[in-house]
N, C-alpha and C. Protein backbone atom coordinates (compact mmCIF):
# COMPACT_ATOMS: atom_id res chain seq x y z
N MET A 1 91.42 80.63 -157.61
CA MET A 1 92.26 79.64 -158.24
C MET A 1 91.45 78.81 -159.23
N VAL A 2 90.29 78.35 -158.83
CA VAL A 2 89.44 77.55 -159.71
C VAL A 2 88.87 78.41 -160.82
N LEU A 3 88.36 79.59 -160.48
CA LEU A 3 87.82 80.48 -161.51
C LEU A 3 88.89 80.85 -162.53
N ARG A 4 90.08 81.14 -162.07
CA ARG A 4 91.18 81.49 -162.97
C ARG A 4 91.46 80.33 -163.92
N ALA A 5 91.47 79.11 -163.40
CA ALA A 5 91.73 77.93 -164.24
C ALA A 5 90.63 77.73 -165.27
N ILE A 6 89.40 78.02 -164.88
CA ILE A 6 88.27 77.86 -165.81
C ILE A 6 88.30 78.93 -166.89
N ILE A 7 88.54 80.15 -166.50
CA ILE A 7 88.50 81.28 -167.43
C ILE A 7 89.70 81.26 -168.38
N SER A 8 90.80 80.65 -167.96
CA SER A 8 92.01 80.65 -168.78
C SER A 8 91.87 79.84 -170.07
N ARG A 9 90.82 79.05 -170.17
CA ARG A 9 90.58 78.23 -171.36
C ARG A 9 89.19 78.49 -171.91
N GLU A 10 89.06 78.32 -173.20
CA GLU A 10 87.74 78.48 -173.82
C GLU A 10 86.79 77.36 -173.37
N LEU A 11 87.30 76.14 -173.37
CA LEU A 11 86.55 74.98 -172.89
C LEU A 11 87.40 74.28 -171.84
N VAL A 12 86.76 73.83 -170.78
CA VAL A 12 87.51 73.21 -169.68
C VAL A 12 86.69 72.07 -169.08
N SER A 13 87.40 71.03 -168.70
CA SER A 13 86.75 69.92 -167.98
C SER A 13 87.17 69.99 -166.52
N PRO A 14 86.41 69.38 -165.64
CA PRO A 14 86.84 69.33 -164.23
C PRO A 14 88.23 68.72 -164.08
N SER A 15 88.58 67.74 -164.90
CA SER A 15 89.91 67.14 -164.83
C SER A 15 91.01 68.17 -165.13
N ASP A 16 90.75 69.07 -166.09
CA ASP A 16 91.71 70.13 -166.39
C ASP A 16 91.96 71.00 -165.17
N VAL A 17 90.89 71.30 -164.44
CA VAL A 17 91.00 72.15 -163.26
C VAL A 17 91.73 71.40 -162.13
N VAL A 18 91.47 70.10 -162.00
CA VAL A 18 92.17 69.30 -160.99
C VAL A 18 93.68 69.35 -161.26
N ILE A 19 94.07 69.19 -162.51
CA ILE A 19 95.49 69.21 -162.88
C ILE A 19 96.08 70.61 -162.65
N ALA A 20 95.34 71.64 -163.04
CA ALA A 20 95.85 73.01 -162.92
C ALA A 20 95.97 73.49 -161.48
N THR A 21 95.07 73.01 -160.62
CA THR A 21 95.03 73.54 -159.24
C THR A 21 95.62 72.59 -158.21
N GLY A 22 95.61 71.30 -158.50
CA GLY A 22 96.06 70.32 -157.52
C GLY A 22 95.03 70.01 -156.45
N LEU A 23 93.82 70.53 -156.62
CA LEU A 23 92.75 70.27 -155.67
C LEU A 23 92.17 68.87 -155.87
N PRO A 24 91.58 68.29 -154.83
CA PRO A 24 90.96 66.96 -154.97
C PRO A 24 89.81 66.97 -155.98
N ARG A 25 89.70 65.89 -156.72
CA ARG A 25 88.67 65.80 -157.77
C ARG A 25 87.26 66.04 -157.22
N TYR A 26 86.94 65.44 -156.06
CA TYR A 26 85.59 65.61 -155.51
C TYR A 26 85.30 67.07 -155.19
N SER A 27 86.30 67.81 -154.75
CA SER A 27 86.11 69.24 -154.45
C SER A 27 85.84 70.03 -155.73
N VAL A 28 86.61 69.73 -156.76
CA VAL A 28 86.44 70.44 -158.04
C VAL A 28 85.08 70.11 -158.65
N LEU A 29 84.67 68.85 -158.59
CA LEU A 29 83.35 68.48 -159.12
C LEU A 29 82.23 69.21 -158.37
N ALA A 30 82.35 69.31 -157.07
CA ALA A 30 81.36 70.03 -156.27
C ALA A 30 81.34 71.51 -156.65
N MET A 31 82.52 72.08 -156.88
CA MET A 31 82.59 73.49 -157.27
C MET A 31 81.93 73.71 -158.63
N PHE A 32 82.17 72.80 -159.57
CA PHE A 32 81.54 72.93 -160.88
C PHE A 32 80.02 72.88 -160.76
N GLN A 33 79.50 72.00 -159.91
CA GLN A 33 78.05 71.92 -159.73
C GLN A 33 77.51 73.24 -159.18
N CYS A 34 78.20 73.80 -158.21
CA CYS A 34 77.77 75.08 -157.62
C CYS A 34 77.89 76.21 -158.63
N LEU A 35 79.01 76.27 -159.34
CA LEU A 35 79.21 77.33 -160.33
C LEU A 35 78.19 77.25 -161.46
N GLU A 36 77.84 76.03 -161.85
CA GLU A 36 76.82 75.86 -162.88
C GLU A 36 75.45 76.30 -162.37
N ALA A 37 75.11 75.94 -161.16
CA ALA A 37 73.82 76.32 -160.58
C ALA A 37 73.71 77.85 -160.44
N MET A 38 74.82 78.51 -160.21
CA MET A 38 74.82 79.97 -160.05
C MET A 38 74.99 80.72 -161.36
N GLY A 39 75.21 79.99 -162.45
CA GLY A 39 75.31 80.62 -163.76
C GLY A 39 76.70 81.13 -164.12
N PHE A 40 77.74 80.66 -163.42
CA PHE A 40 79.10 81.10 -163.72
C PHE A 40 79.78 80.23 -164.78
N VAL A 41 79.33 79.00 -164.93
CA VAL A 41 79.79 78.13 -166.01
C VAL A 41 78.58 77.47 -166.64
N ARG A 42 78.75 77.07 -167.88
CA ARG A 42 77.67 76.35 -168.55
C ARG A 42 78.26 75.16 -169.28
N PRO A 43 77.57 74.03 -169.23
CA PRO A 43 78.08 72.87 -169.96
C PRO A 43 77.88 73.08 -171.46
N VAL A 44 78.89 72.74 -172.23
CA VAL A 44 78.78 72.88 -173.69
C VAL A 44 78.88 71.53 -174.40
N TYR A 45 79.34 70.51 -173.67
CA TYR A 45 79.43 69.18 -174.24
C TYR A 45 79.30 68.18 -173.10
N SER A 46 78.55 67.12 -173.36
CA SER A 46 78.39 66.09 -172.34
C SER A 46 78.24 64.74 -173.02
N ARG A 47 79.04 63.78 -172.56
CA ARG A 47 78.92 62.41 -173.04
C ARG A 47 79.22 61.51 -171.87
N GLY A 48 78.20 60.81 -171.39
CA GLY A 48 78.36 59.99 -170.20
C GLY A 48 78.67 60.89 -169.01
N SER A 49 79.75 60.59 -168.32
CA SER A 49 80.11 61.43 -167.17
C SER A 49 81.11 62.52 -167.56
N TYR A 50 81.53 62.57 -168.83
CA TYR A 50 82.49 63.56 -169.28
C TYR A 50 81.77 64.83 -169.72
N LYS A 51 82.19 65.96 -169.17
CA LYS A 51 81.58 67.24 -169.54
C LYS A 51 82.66 68.27 -169.81
N LEU A 52 82.38 69.13 -170.77
CA LEU A 52 83.20 70.31 -171.02
C LEU A 52 82.36 71.52 -170.69
N TYR A 53 82.98 72.50 -170.06
CA TYR A 53 82.29 73.71 -169.63
C TYR A 53 82.93 74.93 -170.26
N SER A 54 82.14 75.99 -170.28
CA SER A 54 82.62 77.29 -170.70
C SER A 54 82.25 78.31 -169.63
N ALA A 55 83.16 79.22 -169.35
CA ALA A 55 82.87 80.28 -168.38
C ALA A 55 81.91 81.28 -169.00
N THR A 56 80.99 81.79 -168.20
CA THR A 56 80.08 82.82 -168.67
C THR A 56 80.68 84.19 -168.36
N ILE A 57 80.07 85.23 -168.87
CA ILE A 57 80.53 86.58 -168.59
C ILE A 57 80.46 86.88 -167.09
N TYR A 58 79.53 86.22 -166.41
CA TYR A 58 79.40 86.41 -164.96
C TYR A 58 80.65 85.91 -164.22
N ALA A 59 81.22 84.80 -164.69
CA ALA A 59 82.44 84.27 -164.06
C ALA A 59 83.59 85.23 -164.24
N LYS A 60 83.69 85.81 -165.42
CA LYS A 60 84.77 86.76 -165.69
C LYS A 60 84.63 88.00 -164.82
N LYS A 61 83.41 88.48 -164.67
CA LYS A 61 83.17 89.65 -163.83
C LYS A 61 83.44 89.32 -162.36
N LEU A 62 83.02 88.15 -161.91
CA LEU A 62 83.26 87.75 -160.53
C LEU A 62 84.76 87.67 -160.24
N LEU A 63 85.53 87.10 -161.15
CA LEU A 63 86.98 87.00 -160.95
C LEU A 63 87.60 88.40 -160.88
N GLU A 64 87.15 89.29 -161.74
CA GLU A 64 87.64 90.67 -161.71
C GLU A 64 87.34 91.34 -160.37
N ILE A 65 86.14 91.15 -159.88
CA ILE A 65 85.74 91.72 -158.58
C ILE A 65 86.61 91.16 -157.46
N LEU A 66 86.80 89.86 -157.44
CA LEU A 66 87.59 89.23 -156.39
C LEU A 66 89.05 89.62 -156.46
N GLU A 67 89.60 89.70 -157.67
CA GLU A 67 91.01 90.08 -157.82
C GLU A 67 91.28 91.52 -157.41
N ASN A 68 90.26 92.36 -157.52
CA ASN A 68 90.41 93.76 -157.12
C ASN A 68 90.13 93.98 -155.64
N GLY A 69 89.87 92.89 -154.92
CA GLY A 69 89.71 92.96 -153.48
C GLY A 69 88.35 93.43 -153.00
N TYR A 70 87.36 93.44 -153.88
CA TYR A 70 86.02 93.84 -153.47
C TYR A 70 85.32 92.70 -152.75
N ASP A 71 84.47 93.05 -151.81
CA ASP A 71 83.55 92.09 -151.23
C ASP A 71 82.38 91.97 -152.22
N VAL A 72 82.08 90.79 -152.66
CA VAL A 72 81.07 90.60 -153.72
C VAL A 72 79.72 91.18 -153.32
N ALA A 73 79.25 90.88 -152.12
CA ALA A 73 77.94 91.38 -151.68
C ALA A 73 77.94 92.91 -151.62
N GLU A 74 78.99 93.49 -151.08
CA GLU A 74 79.07 94.95 -151.02
C GLU A 74 79.10 95.56 -152.41
N PHE A 75 79.84 94.93 -153.31
CA PHE A 75 79.93 95.43 -154.68
C PHE A 75 78.56 95.44 -155.36
N ILE A 76 77.82 94.36 -155.22
CA ILE A 76 76.49 94.27 -155.85
C ILE A 76 75.55 95.31 -155.25
N ILE A 77 75.54 95.40 -153.94
CA ILE A 77 74.63 96.34 -153.28
C ILE A 77 75.01 97.78 -153.59
N SER A 78 76.29 98.12 -153.55
CA SER A 78 76.70 99.50 -153.79
C SER A 78 76.53 99.91 -155.25
N SER A 79 76.64 98.96 -156.17
CA SER A 79 76.52 99.31 -157.58
C SER A 79 75.06 99.54 -157.99
N ARG A 80 74.13 99.03 -157.24
CA ARG A 80 72.72 99.14 -157.61
C ARG A 80 71.85 99.72 -156.50
N GLY A 81 72.39 99.81 -155.30
CA GLY A 81 71.57 100.27 -154.19
C GLY A 81 70.73 99.16 -153.59
N GLU A 82 70.71 98.03 -154.27
CA GLU A 82 69.99 96.85 -153.80
C GLU A 82 70.52 95.65 -154.57
N ALA A 83 70.23 94.49 -154.10
CA ALA A 83 70.65 93.29 -154.82
C ALA A 83 69.89 93.23 -156.14
N PRO A 84 70.61 93.17 -157.26
CA PRO A 84 69.95 93.20 -158.57
C PRO A 84 69.31 91.87 -158.94
N SER A 85 68.33 91.95 -159.83
CA SER A 85 67.77 90.73 -160.39
C SER A 85 68.75 90.24 -161.45
N ASN A 86 68.55 89.04 -161.95
CA ASN A 86 69.45 88.51 -162.98
C ASN A 86 69.50 89.42 -164.19
N SER A 87 68.36 89.96 -164.62
CA SER A 87 68.36 90.78 -165.83
C SER A 87 69.08 92.10 -165.60
N SER A 88 68.94 92.71 -164.42
CA SER A 88 69.66 93.97 -164.19
C SER A 88 71.15 93.72 -164.01
N LEU A 89 71.54 92.58 -163.46
CA LEU A 89 72.95 92.25 -163.34
C LEU A 89 73.52 92.04 -164.74
N GLU A 90 72.79 91.35 -165.60
CA GLU A 90 73.23 91.12 -166.96
C GLU A 90 73.40 92.44 -167.69
N GLU A 91 72.45 93.37 -167.54
CA GLU A 91 72.54 94.68 -168.18
C GLU A 91 73.76 95.43 -167.67
N SER A 92 74.01 95.37 -166.37
CA SER A 92 75.15 96.05 -165.76
C SER A 92 76.46 95.52 -166.34
N ILE A 93 76.58 94.22 -166.46
CA ILE A 93 77.80 93.61 -166.99
C ILE A 93 77.97 93.94 -168.46
N GLU A 94 76.90 93.86 -169.23
CA GLU A 94 76.99 94.14 -170.66
C GLU A 94 77.36 95.60 -170.91
N SER A 95 76.89 96.52 -170.09
CA SER A 95 77.20 97.93 -170.28
C SER A 95 78.67 98.24 -169.98
N GLU A 96 79.32 97.37 -169.17
CA GLU A 96 80.72 97.58 -168.82
C GLU A 96 81.66 96.94 -169.83
N THR A 97 81.14 96.06 -170.70
CA THR A 97 82.03 95.39 -171.64
C THR A 97 81.98 96.05 -172.99
């Protein structure tokens, strides 16, 4: 639900996601922090406490995996035989697009 709301726009703020999902603001802010730390979103504008984010290609791939009913860990392991490094995951995603 949150990933879909983020990916549906080129630029998105946590407030946009709160409105789109109806989730509590503190939950959405925590999710943005986690998604940013994992490389699924990146901040593109920041002024004071206001931030705009953009989804990365990793977020789009993750949403595709989840929507198709795959277990994320199984998908990563089966596609590479082992958990990939960031660079091999990036190469894998780029080769599919």
